[in-house]
N, C-alpha and C. Protein backbone atom coordinates (compact mmCIF):
# COMPACT_ATOMS: atom_id res chain seq x y z
N MET A 1 -102.40 105.78 205.21
CA MET A 1 -100.55 104.75 205.97
C MET A 1 -100.01 105.66 205.32
N LEU A 2 -98.70 106.01 206.31
CA LEU A 2 -97.47 106.16 206.43
C LEU A 2 -95.99 105.61 205.92
N LYS A 3 -95.46 105.97 204.58
CA LYS A 3 -94.74 105.56 203.84
C LYS A 3 -93.41 105.96 203.86
N ILE A 4 -92.77 105.03 204.35
CA ILE A 4 -91.22 105.97 204.29
C ILE A 4 -90.21 104.45 203.43
N LYS A 5 -89.00 105.44 202.64
CA LYS A 5 -88.12 104.51 202.02
C LYS A 5 -86.98 103.84 203.32
N ASP A 6 -86.66 102.85 202.77
CA ASP A 6 -86.07 101.58 203.52
C ASP A 6 -84.61 102.37 204.29
N SER A 7 -84.37 103.55 203.45
CA SER A 7 -83.30 104.19 204.42
C SER A 7 -83.65 105.17 205.02
N SER A 8 -84.55 105.79 205.52
CA SER A 8 -84.69 106.79 206.28
C SER A 8 -85.48 106.41 207.30
N TYR A 9 -85.45 107.09 208.26
CA TYR A 9 -86.12 106.59 209.65
C TYR A 9 -87.12 108.08 210.34
N ILE A 10 -87.72 108.14 211.30
CA ILE A 10 -88.36 108.87 211.70
C ILE A 10 -88.32 109.24 213.56
N LEU A 11 -87.90 110.41 213.55
CA LEU A 11 -87.46 110.41 214.51
C LEU A 11 -88.72 111.08 215.82
N LEU A 12 -88.49 110.36 217.04
CA LEU A 12 -89.68 110.85 217.94
C LEU A 12 -89.39 111.76 219.07
N GLY A 13 -90.31 112.31 219.85
CA GLY A 13 -89.75 112.77 220.94
C GLY A 13 -88.97 113.36 221.49
N GLU A 14 -88.40 113.85 220.54
CA GLU A 14 -87.20 115.20 220.18
C GLU A 14 -87.59 116.47 220.41
N ASN A 15 -86.68 117.28 221.61
CA ASN A 15 -87.32 118.81 221.62
C ASN A 15 -86.09 119.21 220.69
N MET A 16 -86.49 120.71 220.75
CA MET A 16 -85.63 121.51 219.81
C MET A 16 -83.95 121.50 220.54
N ASP A 17 -84.06 121.71 221.98
CA ASP A 17 -82.58 121.42 222.19
C ASP A 17 -82.04 120.01 222.55
N ASN A 18 -82.74 118.93 221.94
CA ASN A 18 -82.12 117.64 222.03
C ASN A 18 -82.00 117.10 223.36
N SER A 19 -82.90 117.81 223.90
CA SER A 19 -83.10 116.97 225.18
C SER A 19 -84.36 116.24 225.28
N TYR A 20 -84.62 115.03 225.90
CA TYR A 20 -85.96 114.45 226.06
C TYR A 20 -87.02 114.79 227.24
N GLU A 21 -88.36 115.30 226.89
CA GLU A 21 -89.08 115.65 227.84
C GLU A 21 -89.47 114.33 228.78
N ASN A 22 -89.61 113.29 227.96
CA ASN A 22 -90.09 111.76 228.73
C ASN A 22 -89.48 111.12 227.91
N THR A 23 -88.88 109.99 229.13
CA THR A 23 -88.08 109.12 228.73
C THR A 23 -88.91 107.82 229.37
N LYS A 24 -90.31 107.82 230.18
CA LYS A 24 -90.72 106.87 230.33
C LYS A 24 -91.34 105.94 228.90
N HIS A 25 -91.52 104.43 229.65
CA HIS A 25 -91.30 103.37 228.56
C HIS A 25 -92.55 102.76 228.71
N GLU A 26 -93.55 102.57 227.77
CA GLU A 26 -94.79 101.61 228.24
C GLU A 26 -94.92 100.91 227.28
N VAL A 27 -95.16 99.93 227.28
CA VAL A 27 -95.93 98.86 226.38
C VAL A 27 -97.62 98.67 226.77
N LYS A 28 -98.51 98.07 225.99
CA LYS A 28 -99.61 97.39 226.03
C LYS A 28 -100.06 96.90 224.70
N ILE A 29 -100.43 95.60 224.78
CA ILE A 29 -100.80 95.09 223.37
C ILE A 29 -102.14 94.32 224.08
N ILE A 30 -103.16 94.61 223.19
CA ILE A 30 -104.30 94.38 223.45
C ILE A 30 -104.53 93.19 222.31
N ASP A 31 -105.29 92.35 222.77
CA ASP A 31 -105.67 90.79 222.03
C ASP A 31 -104.53 90.84 221.10
N ARG A 32 -103.42 90.91 221.11
CA ARG A 32 -102.54 90.58 220.05
C ARG A 32 -102.49 91.32 218.75
N ASN A 33 -103.92 92.00 218.95
CA ASN A 33 -103.76 92.84 217.27
C ASN A 33 -103.70 94.06 217.41
N LEU A 34 -103.56 94.88 218.29
CA LEU A 34 -103.24 96.51 218.49
C LEU A 34 -102.19 96.77 220.02
N ILE A 35 -101.31 97.30 219.66
CA ILE A 35 -100.05 97.71 220.37
C ILE A 35 -99.48 99.23 220.36
N TYR A 36 -100.04 99.68 221.87
CA TYR A 36 -99.37 100.70 222.22
C TYR A 36 -97.57 101.36 222.57
N LEU A 37 -97.26 102.05 222.15
CA LEU A 37 -95.62 101.94 222.55
C LEU A 37 -95.37 103.19 222.94
N SER A 38 -94.89 103.86 223.99
CA SER A 38 -94.01 105.14 224.71
C SER A 38 -93.16 105.43 225.02
N GLY A 39 -92.15 106.05 224.98
CA GLY A 39 -91.19 105.94 225.04
C GLY A 39 -90.25 105.90 223.87
N ILE A 40 -90.52 106.00 222.65
CA ILE A 40 -90.31 105.77 221.20
C ILE A 40 -89.19 106.95 220.78
N ASP A 41 -87.82 106.52 220.26
CA ASP A 41 -87.00 107.89 219.96
C ASP A 41 -87.14 107.99 218.49
N LYS A 42 -87.20 106.56 217.70
CA LYS A 42 -87.26 106.68 215.99
C LYS A 42 -87.74 105.40 215.70
N ILE A 43 -88.30 105.62 214.82
CA ILE A 43 -88.79 104.54 214.16
C ILE A 43 -87.26 104.20 213.03
N ILE A 44 -86.87 102.81 213.09
CA ILE A 44 -85.51 103.07 212.22
C ILE A 44 -85.81 102.61 210.68
N SER A 45 -86.97 101.22 211.03
CA SER A 45 -87.84 100.51 209.44
C SER A 45 -88.60 100.45 209.88
N PHE A 46 -89.28 99.95 208.90
CA PHE A 46 -90.62 98.98 209.29
C PHE A 46 -91.40 98.87 207.56
N ASP A 47 -92.02 97.85 208.00
CA ASP A 47 -93.18 97.24 206.63
C ASP A 47 -94.28 96.36 206.97
N SER A 48 -94.85 95.56 206.44
CA SER A 48 -95.98 94.93 206.83
C SER A 48 -95.86 93.76 208.04
N GLU A 49 -94.65 93.14 208.02
CA GLU A 49 -94.35 92.22 208.94
C GLU A 49 -93.28 92.38 209.41
N GLU A 50 -92.47 93.67 209.83
CA GLU A 50 -91.38 93.88 210.87
C GLU A 50 -91.59 95.24 210.81
N PHE A 51 -91.24 95.63 212.47
CA PHE A 51 -91.06 97.07 212.74
C PHE A 51 -89.83 97.22 213.61
N LEU A 52 -88.82 97.96 213.27
CA LEU A 52 -87.35 98.19 214.10
C LEU A 52 -87.66 99.88 214.55
N LEU A 53 -87.57 99.21 216.21
CA LEU A 53 -87.72 100.86 216.88
C LEU A 53 -86.97 101.18 217.81
N GLU A 54 -86.29 102.78 218.11
CA GLU A 54 -85.21 102.70 218.83
C GLU A 54 -86.09 103.16 219.98
N SER A 55 -85.94 102.58 221.59
CA SER A 55 -87.01 103.55 222.20
C SER A 55 -85.88 103.67 223.58
N VAL A 56 -86.34 104.26 224.42
CA VAL A 56 -85.52 104.54 225.60
C VAL A 56 -84.60 103.36 226.42
N MET A 57 -85.50 102.25 226.04
CA MET A 57 -85.26 101.04 226.83
C MET A 57 -84.56 99.92 225.89
N GLY A 58 -84.18 100.80 224.80
CA GLY A 58 -83.26 99.67 223.40
C GLY A 58 -83.98 99.53 222.43
N ILE A 59 -83.17 99.05 221.96
CA ILE A 59 -84.03 98.32 220.39
C ILE A 59 -85.24 97.18 220.60
N ILE A 60 -85.78 97.69 219.94
CA ILE A 60 -87.40 96.86 219.83
C ILE A 60 -87.59 96.24 218.44
N LEU A 61 -87.52 94.94 218.54
CA LEU A 61 -88.03 94.94 216.98
C LEU A 61 -89.30 93.96 217.16
N LEU A 62 -90.09 94.39 216.39
CA LEU A 62 -91.81 93.68 216.78
C LEU A 62 -91.90 93.09 215.42
N LYS A 63 -92.78 91.60 215.25
CA LYS A 63 -92.69 90.77 213.95
C LYS A 63 -94.16 90.79 214.04
N GLY A 64 -94.78 90.24 213.11
CA GLY A 64 -96.15 90.26 212.64
C GLY A 64 -96.62 90.08 211.55
N GLU A 65 -97.71 90.38 211.05
CA GLU A 65 -98.64 90.25 209.71
C GLU A 65 -99.54 91.39 209.79
N ASN A 66 -99.48 92.36 208.36
CA ASN A 66 -100.44 92.94 207.99
C ASN A 66 -99.81 94.32 209.13
N LEU A 67 -98.96 94.52 209.77
CA LEU A 67 -99.11 95.78 210.43
C LEU A 67 -98.73 97.34 209.98
N GLU A 68 -99.42 98.00 210.47
CA GLU A 68 -99.47 99.12 210.23
C GLU A 68 -99.84 100.30 211.41
N ILE A 69 -99.03 101.49 211.18
CA ILE A 69 -99.39 102.48 212.08
C ILE A 69 -100.55 103.25 212.02
N VAL A 70 -101.26 103.27 213.44
CA VAL A 70 -102.40 103.72 213.58
C VAL A 70 -102.45 104.99 213.69
N LYS A 71 -101.34 105.32 214.97
CA LYS A 71 -100.88 107.06 215.49
C LYS A 71 -99.46 107.16 215.40
N LEU A 72 -99.55 108.28 214.84
CA LEU A 72 -97.72 108.30 215.58
C LEU A 72 -97.65 109.89 215.86
N ASP A 73 -97.15 110.08 217.32
CA ASP A 73 -97.39 111.15 217.95
C ASP A 73 -95.56 111.90 218.28
N THR A 74 -95.07 112.45 217.17
CA THR A 74 -93.83 112.71 217.33
C THR A 74 -93.06 113.58 218.13
N HIS A 75 -94.19 114.25 218.81
CA HIS A 75 -93.88 114.99 219.66
C HIS A 75 -93.53 114.26 221.57
N ASP A 76 -94.06 113.68 221.59
CA ASP A 76 -94.23 112.80 222.79
C ASP A 76 -93.59 111.18 222.64
N GLY A 77 -93.32 110.81 221.45
CA GLY A 77 -92.99 109.62 220.74
C GLY A 77 -93.86 108.23 221.44
N VAL A 78 -94.83 108.52 221.10
CA VAL A 78 -96.27 107.50 220.89
C VAL A 78 -96.36 107.02 219.32
N VAL A 79 -96.69 105.41 219.42
CA VAL A 79 -96.54 104.55 218.37
C VAL A 79 -97.79 104.10 218.28
N SER A 80 -99.07 103.66 217.86
CA SER A 80 -99.86 102.51 217.91
C SER A 80 -99.39 102.02 216.49
N ILE A 81 -99.55 100.65 216.60
CA ILE A 81 -99.29 100.08 215.63
C ILE A 81 -100.73 98.54 215.73
N LYS A 82 -101.37 98.79 214.70
CA LYS A 82 -101.90 97.35 214.44
C LYS A 82 -101.83 96.77 213.24
N GLY A 83 -102.37 95.00 213.53
CA GLY A 83 -102.30 93.83 212.98
C GLY A 83 -101.87 92.64 213.82
N VAL A 84 -101.57 91.42 213.31
CA VAL A 84 -101.49 90.12 213.87
C VAL A 84 -100.13 90.35 214.62
N ILE A 85 -100.30 90.48 216.02
CA ILE A 85 -98.19 90.50 216.79
C ILE A 85 -97.49 89.20 217.21
N ASN A 86 -96.92 88.95 216.67
CA ASN A 86 -96.21 87.71 216.76
C ASN A 86 -94.86 87.41 217.59
N SER A 87 -94.44 88.61 217.80
CA SER A 87 -93.41 88.59 218.44
C SER A 87 -92.73 90.00 219.01
N MET A 88 -92.31 90.43 220.13
CA MET A 88 -91.43 91.47 220.41
C MET A 88 -90.59 91.51 220.89
N THR A 89 -89.28 91.52 220.69
CA THR A 89 -88.10 92.04 221.70
C THR A 89 -86.91 92.97 221.57
N TYR A 90 -86.40 93.22 222.63
CA TYR A 90 -85.73 93.96 223.19
C TYR A 90 -84.02 93.68 223.12
N ASP A 91 -83.41 94.95 222.71
CA ASP A 91 -82.00 94.46 222.69
C ASP A 91 -81.30 95.86 223.62
N ASN A 92 -80.45 95.83 224.62
CA ASN A 92 -80.54 97.52 225.19
C ASN A 92 -79.07 97.79 224.58
N ASP A 93 -78.24 97.03 223.85
CA ASP A 93 -76.99 97.44 222.96
C ASP A 93 -77.63 98.15 221.82
N LYS A 94 -77.96 99.62 221.92
CA LYS A 94 -78.62 100.28 220.41
C LYS A 94 -78.07 99.82 219.32
N LYS A 95 -77.17 100.40 219.62
CA LYS A 95 -75.96 100.49 218.14
C LYS A 95 -75.62 99.86 217.59
N LYS A 96 -75.12 98.49 218.60
CA LYS A 96 -75.02 97.12 218.04
C LYS A 96 -75.88 96.08 217.14
N GLU A 97 -77.33 96.81 218.14
CA GLU A 97 -78.58 95.99 217.18
C GLU A 97 -78.70 96.42 216.07
N SER A 98 -79.12 97.79 215.90
CA SER A 98 -79.23 98.78 214.89
C SER A 98 -78.46 98.36 213.64
N GLU A 99 -76.94 98.42 213.78
CA GLU A 99 -76.06 98.13 212.75
C GLU A 99 -76.49 96.47 211.94
N SER A 100 -76.58 95.90 213.27
CA SER A 100 -76.49 94.27 212.56
C SER A 100 -77.45 93.91 211.56
N ILE A 101 -79.34 94.27 212.35
CA ILE A 101 -80.39 94.44 211.58
C ILE A 101 -80.44 95.08 210.56
N ILE A 102 -79.93 96.55 210.27
CA ILE A 102 -79.67 97.23 209.44
C ILE A 102 -78.87 96.94 208.06
N GLY A 103 -77.60 96.05 208.31
CA GLY A 103 -76.36 95.53 207.70
C GLY A 103 -77.45 94.28 207.23
N LYS A 104 -78.18 93.45 207.92
CA LYS A 104 -79.16 92.21 207.09
C LYS A 104 -80.14 92.64 206.26
N LEU A 105 -80.39 93.72 206.65
CA LEU A 105 -81.69 94.27 205.53
C LEU A 105 -81.27 94.43 204.24
N PHE A 106 -79.88 94.94 204.16
CA PHE A 106 -79.56 95.50 202.94
C PHE A 106 -78.32 94.80 201.98
N LYS A 107 -78.35 93.09 202.65
CA LYS A 107 -77.13 92.45 202.20
C LYS A 107 -77.75 91.83 200.70
């Protein structure tokens, strides 16, 4: 299992020249136990109950139980997560959402 300190994040889908090859975003949830996401720019933070992801369509907050990364493809910006999926929400204002959630986490 991939472990990251709270203050770090993983960049996904970024080329050497900082342009994006694939900006398509897809979400597939199977039986609320497995989710496939494409178009993910970075994983901002995660633990077993919450993932905060930046996608080409905005910030995604995924909540659940026993969540863990199954597959991580940094070249194509694809992430697969398993566990009980309780909710998934978007916010189009990437900067505002990431600052407010990160701020809440470190209070």
